[in-house]
Amino acid sequence: MHFYSCPYCWDKTTGQRDVHLGRLIVIKSAEIACHHKGGLFTSAEDQCKKENYKCKEVLMCPVCDAYFKITEEFLKEQKKKDKDG
């Protein structure tokens, strides 16, 4: 099993009782601009809705409230392995 850690606060929270501190969670942010463009019969909002707003997903740290864009490079750098799995 693996997870993604916050680059700002993961080292500071290591060793804490709550092992989930500093782990990033996926949320959908309305502030994110997506790549969709409105077409002749559909709007950009309709296209986003059709894909369940996947284009608006970001990673958020519940400790420091930082948001991160999901890219392959970022995921590769921040991927950690659970000690249990």
Protein backbone atom coordinates (compact mmCIF):
# COMPACT_ATOMS: atom_id res chain seq x y z
CA MET A 1 0.00 0.00 0.00
CA HIS A 2 1.24 3.51 -0.72
CA PHE A 3 0.29 7.13 -0.15
CA TYR A 4 1.48 10.62 -1.11
CA SER A 5 3.08 12.93 1.44
CA CYS A 6 3.13 16.71 1.76
CA PRO A 7 6.57 18.09 0.80
CA TYR A 8 6.21 20.89 3.38
CA CYS A 9 5.21 19.09 6.54
CA TRP A 10 5.85 15.35 6.13
CA ASP A 11 9.28 15.45 7.82
CA LYS A 12 7.91 17.54 10.68
CA THR A 13 5.04 15.12 11.39
CA THR A 14 7.02 11.87 11.19
CA GLY A 15 6.94 10.13 14.54
CA GLN A 16 3.66 11.72 15.62
CA ARG A 17 0.93 9.55 17.10
CA ASP A 18 -1.44 10.27 14.23
CA VAL A 19 0.21 8.46 11.32
CA HIS A 20 -2.07 10.22 8.82
CA LEU A 21 -0.61 13.68 9.46
CA GLY A 22 1.04 15.04 6.34
CA ARG A 23 -0.69 12.61 3.98
CA LEU A 24 -2.26 14.24 0.96
CA ILE A 25 -5.91 13.74 0.11
CA VAL A 26 -7.59 14.17 -3.27
CA ILE A 27 -10.23 16.91 -3.42
CA LYS A 28 -12.05 18.75 -6.20
CA SER A 29 -11.33 22.47 -6.22
CA ALA A 30 -13.63 24.96 -7.94
CA GLU A 31 -10.76 27.46 -8.29
CA ILE A 32 -8.81 25.24 -10.69
CA ALA A 33 -8.99 26.19 -14.36
CA CYS A 34 -9.41 23.16 -16.56
CA HIS A 35 -8.57 22.35 -20.17
CA HIS A 36 -12.19 22.03 -21.32
CA LYS A 37 -13.56 24.45 -23.87
CA GLY A 38 -17.18 25.02 -24.69
CA GLY A 39 -18.43 23.51 -27.90
CA LEU A 40 -21.31 24.28 -30.19
CA PHE A 41 -23.88 22.38 -28.13
CA THR A 42 -22.13 21.99 -24.76
CA SER A 43 -20.39 24.31 -22.37
CA ALA A 44 -17.07 23.70 -20.62
CA GLU A 45 -19.03 23.15 -17.39
CA ASP A 46 -21.09 20.40 -19.06
CA GLN A 47 -17.92 18.64 -20.20
CA CYS A 48 -16.44 18.83 -16.69
CA LYS A 49 -19.66 17.47 -15.21
CA LYS A 50 -19.67 14.62 -17.71
CA GLU A 51 -16.22 13.55 -16.46
CA ASN A 52 -17.28 14.00 -12.80
CA TYR A 53 -14.99 17.07 -12.47
CA LYS A 54 -11.83 14.92 -12.65
CA CYS A 55 -10.08 17.91 -14.24
CA LYS A 56 -10.56 19.86 -10.98
CA GLU A 57 -8.84 17.31 -8.73
CA VAL A 58 -5.89 18.45 -6.62
CA LEU A 59 -4.00 17.04 -3.66
CA MET A 60 -4.48 18.87 -0.37
CA CYS A 61 -2.57 18.61 2.87
CA PRO A 62 -4.92 18.72 5.89
CA VAL A 63 -2.06 19.89 8.14
CA CYS A 64 -0.79 22.98 6.30
CA ASP A 65 -3.73 23.50 3.87
CA ALA A 66 -1.40 23.49 0.84
CA TYR A 67 -2.75 22.45 -2.57
CA PHE A 68 -0.76 20.58 -5.21
CA LYS A 69 -1.49 19.95 -8.87
CA ILE A 70 -1.52 16.26 -9.71
CA THR A 71 1.33 15.55 -12.13
CA GLU A 72 3.28 12.35 -12.76
CA GLU A 73 6.51 13.98 -11.56
CA PHE A 74 4.95 15.22 -8.29
CA LEU A 75 3.35 11.83 -7.59
CA LYS A 76 6.64 10.06 -8.24
CA GLU A 77 8.52 12.35 -5.83
CA GLN A 78 5.96 12.22 -3.03
CA LYS A 79 5.02 8.53 -3.14
CA LYS A 80 5.68 6.77 0.16
CA LYS A 81 5.11 3.19 1.22
CA ASP A 82 3.00 2.23 4.24
CA LYS A 83 4.90 0.36 6.90
CA ASP A 84 1.92 -1.98 7.32
CA GLY A 85 1.65 -3.00 3.67
